[in-house]
Amino acid sequence: MRVSYDFSEKKYGFYFSFEEVYSKKSDFQQITIGDSEAFGRILFLDSNIQLSEADEFIYHESLIHVPMCMTDAKKVLILGGGDLCALREILKHPVEKVVMVELDGEVIETAKKYLAEINKRSWEDPRTEIKIGNALDYIKETDEKFDIIVSDLTDPDEAGNYFYSREFYDLCRNIMTEKSVLVTHGAISCNPDFNSEKVYAGFRELFPHSALYYTHIQSFSSNYGFMVGSDNIDISKPDWNKIKERADKIKGELKHYSPDVHRAMFTIPNWMKEKIKKEKYTKLETWFSDKLPPEL
């Protein structure tokens, strides 16, 4: 079945076709695997592209290695990440334990079957503990603390807004160690409909130390941003010798990340600085008890 991936209705000007390999409606979303001449194997959730074989490493290496090289992490928590590629990158570091909490077990099973060449069967590593459940419930209930928390959850829009709120960040801080770093995606985008201001505002308001970094991901048809935050690590004054030492310990192939790329991703162009200066980036949304999100 030949299917097109077309953003034209929203005027993003992006189109490619792909051959549908697998499609299933889980309890939470439509999961689709496709093969494309442009981007190789692709994962879609509810018709939104999540990764492509051609450039997923740019997203995942940026998301993971930047925070991992900022601190000596032994225990890492991934919230979301059902394609198992963030897990793949974390396991290249000398960590002792990685807990991954994914709501939709069908996404994980699909990734095991159809994305194994991409995620490198990362779920088989004995340092990994995968839990099927709500990320919010987990961070509320766990007694464990983590050196890195990776929020690889849904985008800041509608159902996903809670994961970019004051309450959510505070819950994450409760399970962070003194040397912890929290990282999330979606901090800024060229897409005018993307609610990225929630991400930037939240980190700037709540964390004593925070910073925006970004890269370009062709299959997303956009520059794509990330935010890192910490209570005690001065992210604005990186120890480049330490970052290089940690990068040198990474085992496995790196297609995108290096200490030089790390440094470059924090160089913010003028158009992005102007976007950040807008007032909407200075306010953090707060959820109240009468508007808690539905079960996700």
Protein backbone atom coordinates (compact mmCIF):
# COMPACT_ATOMS: atom_id res chain seq x y z
CA MET A 1 0.00 0.00 0.00
CA ARG A 2 1.51 3.30 -1.12
CA VAL A 3 0.84 6.15 1.29
CA SER A 4 1.89 9.80 1.23
CA TYR A 5 3.11 11.86 4.15
CA ASP A 6 1.85 15.33 3.35
CA PHE A 7 2.02 18.49 5.45
CA SER A 8 0.51 20.66 2.70
CA GLU A 9 -2.77 21.23 4.53
CA LYS A 10 -0.84 23.07 7.22
CA LYS A 11 1.37 24.80 4.64
CA TYR A 12 4.60 23.21 5.81
CA GLY A 13 5.51 22.35 2.23
CA PHE A 14 6.81 18.84 2.91
CA TYR A 15 5.88 15.67 1.05
CA PHE A 16 7.22 12.18 0.49
CA SER A 17 5.68 8.81 -0.26
CA PHE A 18 6.26 5.52 1.51
CA GLU A 19 5.25 1.87 1.36
CA GLU A 20 3.22 0.81 4.34
CA VAL A 21 4.80 -2.21 6.06
CA TYR A 22 2.69 -2.48 9.20
CA SER A 23 -0.21 -0.64 10.78
CA LYS A 24 -2.13 -1.27 13.99
CA LYS A 25 -4.40 0.69 16.27
CA SER A 26 -3.27 0.25 19.88
CA ASP A 27 -5.29 1.27 22.92
CA PHE A 28 -3.69 4.72 22.64
CA GLN A 29 -2.74 5.50 19.05
CA GLN A 30 -2.32 4.38 15.46
CA ILE A 31 1.11 2.80 14.94
CA THR A 32 2.45 2.67 11.39
CA ILE A 33 5.75 1.43 9.97
CA GLY A 34 6.68 2.45 6.44
CA ASP A 35 9.58 2.26 4.00
CA SER A 36 10.52 5.34 1.99
CA GLU A 37 13.06 6.00 -0.72
CA ALA A 38 13.73 9.37 0.88
CA PHE A 39 14.21 8.30 4.51
CA GLY A 40 14.31 4.50 4.72
CA ARG A 41 12.26 2.87 7.47
CA ILE A 42 9.92 5.24 9.30
CA LEU A 43 7.78 5.09 12.44
CA PHE A 44 4.55 7.10 12.60
CA LEU A 45 2.26 7.52 15.60
CA ASP A 46 -1.17 8.91 14.74
CA SER A 47 0.25 9.90 11.34
CA ASN A 48 3.00 11.98 12.95
CA ILE A 49 6.55 11.01 12.08
CA GLN A 50 8.56 9.83 15.10
CA LEU A 51 11.76 8.67 13.48
CA SER A 52 13.28 7.88 10.13
CA GLU A 53 16.17 5.55 9.51
CA ALA A 54 18.01 8.23 7.53
CA ASP A 55 18.34 10.78 10.33
CA GLU A 56 16.98 9.47 13.65
CA PHE A 57 20.54 9.40 14.95
CA ILE A 58 20.64 13.21 14.80
CA TYR A 59 17.66 13.45 17.13
CA HIS A 60 18.68 10.66 19.51
CA GLU A 61 22.38 11.49 19.74
CA SER A 62 21.50 15.14 20.39
CA LEU A 63 18.87 14.27 22.99
CA ILE A 64 21.09 11.82 24.88
CA HIS A 65 24.78 12.63 24.60
CA VAL A 66 24.52 16.31 25.48
CA PRO A 67 23.14 15.67 29.01
CA MET A 68 25.10 12.44 29.42
CA CYS A 69 28.36 14.29 28.84
CA MET A 70 27.43 17.01 31.36
CA THR A 71 27.50 14.73 34.41
CA ASP A 72 28.82 11.34 35.52
CA ALA A 73 25.57 9.42 35.28
CA LYS A 74 25.10 5.93 36.71
CA LYS A 75 21.28 5.74 36.82
CA VAL A 76 19.17 7.11 34.00
CA LEU A 77 15.40 7.38 33.58
CA ILE A 78 13.72 7.56 30.17
CA LEU A 79 10.11 8.72 30.10
CA GLY A 80 8.63 7.53 26.82
CA GLY A 81 11.14 6.46 24.18
CA GLY A 82 9.16 3.47 22.93
CA ASP A 83 11.18 3.17 19.71
CA LEU A 84 14.12 2.10 21.96
CA CYS A 85 16.63 4.39 20.25
CA ALA A 86 17.19 6.76 23.18
CA LEU A 87 17.91 3.63 25.20
CA ARG A 88 20.41 2.54 22.55
CA GLU A 89 22.37 5.77 22.94
CA ILE A 90 22.37 5.80 26.75
CA LEU A 91 23.78 2.28 26.83
CA LYS A 92 26.87 3.49 24.96
CA HIS A 93 27.86 5.16 28.24
CA PRO A 94 29.21 3.36 31.35
CA VAL A 95 25.86 3.47 33.16
CA GLU A 96 24.77 0.93 35.77
CA LYS A 97 21.01 1.05 35.26
CA VAL A 98 18.47 2.50 32.82
CA VAL A 99 14.75 2.53 33.62
CA MET A 100 12.42 3.21 30.71
CA VAL A 101 8.72 3.96 31.29
CA GLU A 102 6.54 3.74 28.18
CA LEU A 103 2.76 3.97 28.20
CA ASP A 104 2.07 2.01 25.02
CA GLY A 105 3.52 -1.48 25.10
CA GLU A 106 2.46 -1.99 21.49
CA VAL A 107 4.97 0.66 20.40
CA ILE A 108 7.76 -1.26 22.12
CA GLU A 109 6.70 -4.55 20.55
CA THR A 110 6.51 -2.89 17.14
CA ALA A 111 9.98 -1.41 17.64
CA LYS A 112 11.38 -4.81 18.58
CA LYS A 113 9.98 -6.43 15.45
CA TYR A 114 10.34 -3.72 12.82
CA LEU A 115 13.07 -1.38 14.10
CA ALA A 116 15.61 -3.84 15.52
CA GLU A 117 18.22 -2.89 12.92
CA ILE A 118 17.86 0.73 14.03
CA ASN A 119 17.58 0.39 17.81
CA LYS A 120 20.23 -2.38 17.82
CA ARG A 121 18.13 -4.60 20.09
CA SER A 122 18.92 -2.29 22.98
CA TRP A 123 16.20 -3.86 25.15
CA GLU A 124 18.37 -6.97 25.56
CA ASP A 125 21.05 -5.15 27.57
CA PRO A 126 20.93 -6.45 31.19
CA ARG A 127 21.27 -2.89 32.55
CA THR A 128 17.81 -2.11 31.17
CA GLU A 129 14.51 -2.22 33.06
CA ILE A 130 11.45 -1.51 30.91
CA LYS A 131 8.14 -0.65 32.57
CA ILE A 132 4.81 -0.34 30.77
CA GLY A 133 2.77 2.41 32.39
CA ASN A 134 2.09 6.10 32.76
CA ALA A 135 5.24 8.20 33.17
CA LEU A 136 3.38 10.57 35.47
CA ASP A 137 2.37 7.76 37.83
CA TYR A 138 5.92 6.44 37.88
CA ILE A 139 7.60 9.70 38.85
CA LYS A 140 4.96 10.28 41.54
CA GLU A 141 5.43 6.84 43.10
CA THR A 142 9.05 5.82 42.67
CA ASP A 143 11.56 5.99 45.53
CA GLU A 144 14.54 5.86 43.16
CA LYS A 145 16.61 8.87 42.20
CA PHE A 146 18.31 9.40 38.85
CA ASP A 147 21.35 11.24 37.57
CA ILE A 148 19.71 11.92 34.19
CA ILE A 149 16.01 12.14 33.35
CA VAL A 150 15.20 12.04 29.64
CA SER A 151 11.69 13.19 28.76
CA ASP A 152 11.03 11.68 25.33
CA LEU A 153 7.27 12.10 25.61
CA THR A 154 4.57 13.51 23.38
CA ASP A 155 4.93 17.05 22.04
CA PRO A 156 3.70 20.09 24.02
CA ASP A 157 0.20 20.17 22.58
CA GLU A 158 -3.19 19.28 24.07
CA ALA A 159 -2.80 15.92 25.90
CA GLY A 160 0.96 16.42 26.17
CA ASN A 161 0.80 19.84 27.81
CA TYR A 162 1.01 18.44 31.33
CA PHE A 163 4.50 17.14 30.61
CA TYR A 164 5.64 20.76 30.16
CA SER A 165 4.01 22.21 33.28
CA ARG A 166 5.32 23.42 36.64
CA GLU A 167 3.93 20.36 38.42
CA PHE A 168 5.60 17.91 36.08
CA TYR A 169 9.01 19.56 36.35
CA ASP A 170 8.70 19.67 40.15
CA LEU A 171 7.89 15.95 40.22
CA CYS A 172 10.99 15.28 38.14
CA ARG A 173 13.13 17.38 40.46
CA ASN A 174 11.96 15.26 43.40
CA ILE A 175 13.67 12.20 41.91
CA MET A 176 16.84 13.93 40.70
CA THR A 177 20.16 13.66 42.50
CA GLU A 178 22.34 16.66 43.32
CA LYS A 179 24.28 16.18 40.09
CA SER A 180 21.20 15.52 37.94
CA VAL A 181 20.24 16.93 34.56
CA LEU A 182 16.76 16.89 33.03
CA VAL A 183 16.48 17.03 29.25
CA THR A 184 13.45 17.26 27.01
CA HIS A 185 12.79 17.79 23.32
CA GLY A 186 10.62 20.34 21.56
CA ALA A 187 12.11 23.53 22.97
CA ILE A 188 11.81 25.56 19.78
CA SER A 189 10.83 25.02 16.19
CA CYS A 190 10.28 26.89 12.96
CA ASN A 191 6.78 25.40 12.96
CA PRO A 192 4.44 28.28 13.91
CA ASP A 193 1.85 25.90 15.38
CA PHE A 194 4.28 24.20 17.75
CA ASN A 195 3.77 25.19 21.41
CA SER A 196 7.47 25.24 22.16
CA GLU A 197 7.21 28.27 24.45
CA LYS A 198 6.00 25.98 27.26
CA VAL A 199 9.29 24.13 27.22
CA TYR A 200 11.54 27.16 27.19
CA ALA A 201 9.50 29.04 29.80
CA GLY A 202 9.34 26.10 32.17
CA PHE A 203 13.05 25.42 32.31
CA ARG A 204 14.03 29.09 32.54
CA GLU A 205 11.60 29.72 35.38
CA LEU A 206 12.16 26.65 37.53
CA PHE A 207 15.79 25.61 37.14
CA PRO A 208 18.68 27.76 38.42
CA HIS A 209 20.66 26.52 35.41
CA SER A 210 19.12 25.85 32.01
CA ALA A 211 19.97 26.19 28.34
CA LEU A 212 18.49 25.71 24.90
CA TYR A 213 20.26 23.79 22.16
CA TYR A 214 19.09 22.73 18.74
CA THR A 215 19.85 20.94 15.49
CA HIS A 216 18.18 20.38 12.13
CA ILE A 217 16.25 17.18 11.42
CA GLN A 218 15.31 16.83 7.78
CA SER A 219 12.54 14.26 8.23
CA PHE A 220 10.87 16.63 10.72
CA SER A 221 11.25 19.40 8.12
CA SER A 222 12.43 21.71 10.87
CA ASN A 223 15.08 22.97 13.20
CA TYR A 224 14.38 21.13 16.42
CA GLY A 225 15.24 22.20 19.92
CA PHE A 226 16.01 20.66 23.30
CA MET A 227 16.18 22.07 26.82
CA VAL A 228 18.47 20.97 29.63
CA GLY A 229 18.00 22.00 33.24
CA SER A 230 19.80 21.38 36.50
CA ASP A 231 19.69 22.66 40.07
CA ASN A 232 23.43 22.45 40.63
CA ILE A 233 25.31 21.98 37.36
CA ASP A 234 26.08 25.33 35.73
CA ILE A 235 25.12 24.46 32.19
CA SER A 236 26.05 27.92 30.93
CA LYS A 237 29.69 27.31 31.91
CA PRO A 238 30.48 23.84 30.59
CA ASP A 239 33.67 22.06 31.57
CA TRP A 240 34.81 21.15 28.07
CA ASN A 241 37.64 18.96 29.34
CA LYS A 242 35.15 16.88 31.32
CA ILE A 243 32.75 16.75 28.39
CA LYS A 244 35.53 15.45 26.17
CA GLU A 245 36.57 12.87 28.79
CA ARG A 246 33.02 11.54 28.98
CA ALA A 247 32.63 11.58 25.19
CA ASP A 248 35.82 9.53 24.87
CA LYS A 249 34.21 6.81 27.02
CA ILE A 250 31.26 6.37 24.66
CA LYS A 251 31.31 2.90 23.17
CA GLY A 252 29.76 2.37 19.79
CA GLU A 253 29.24 4.36 16.62
CA LEU A 254 28.52 8.09 16.73
CA LYS A 255 27.17 9.48 13.46
CA HIS A 256 26.38 12.98 14.68
CA TYR A 257 27.55 13.80 18.19
CA SER A 258 31.02 15.03 19.14
CA PRO A 259 32.23 17.62 21.68
CA ASP A 260 32.55 20.11 18.81
CA VAL A 261 28.98 19.46 17.70
CA HIS A 262 27.91 19.68 21.35
CA ARG A 263 29.39 23.18 21.54
CA ALA A 264 27.89 24.23 18.20
CA MET A 265 24.34 23.19 19.13
CA PHE A 266 24.29 25.83 21.87
CA THR A 267 25.09 28.65 19.42
CA ILE A 268 21.74 30.37 18.94
CA PRO A 269 21.08 32.32 15.70
CA ASN A 270 19.47 35.74 15.68
CA TRP A 271 16.03 34.60 14.46
CA MET A 272 15.81 32.20 17.39
CA LYS A 273 16.93 34.85 19.88
CA GLU A 274 14.18 37.15 18.60
CA LYS A 275 11.59 34.39 18.95
CA ILE A 276 12.72 33.74 22.53
CA LYS A 277 12.41 37.45 23.41
CA LYS A 278 8.65 37.39 22.74
CA GLU A 279 6.58 37.71 25.90
CA LYS A 280 4.88 34.34 25.45
CA TYR A 281 8.17 32.65 26.35
CA THR A 282 8.21 34.16 29.84
CA LYS A 283 5.10 32.46 31.25
CA LEU A 284 4.88 28.95 32.58
CA GLU A 285 1.53 27.19 32.50
CA THR A 286 0.34 25.67 35.76
CA TRP A 287 -2.17 22.85 35.98
CA PHE A 288 -4.75 22.87 38.75
CA SER A 289 -6.60 19.95 40.30
CA ASP A 290 -9.76 20.59 38.27
CA LYS A 291 -7.92 20.43 34.96
CA LEU A 292 -5.56 17.54 35.41
CA PRO A 293 -4.89 15.73 32.14
CA PRO A 294 -6.74 12.58 31.13
CA GLU A 295 -5.02 9.24 31.54
CA LEU A 296 -2.29 9.23 28.88
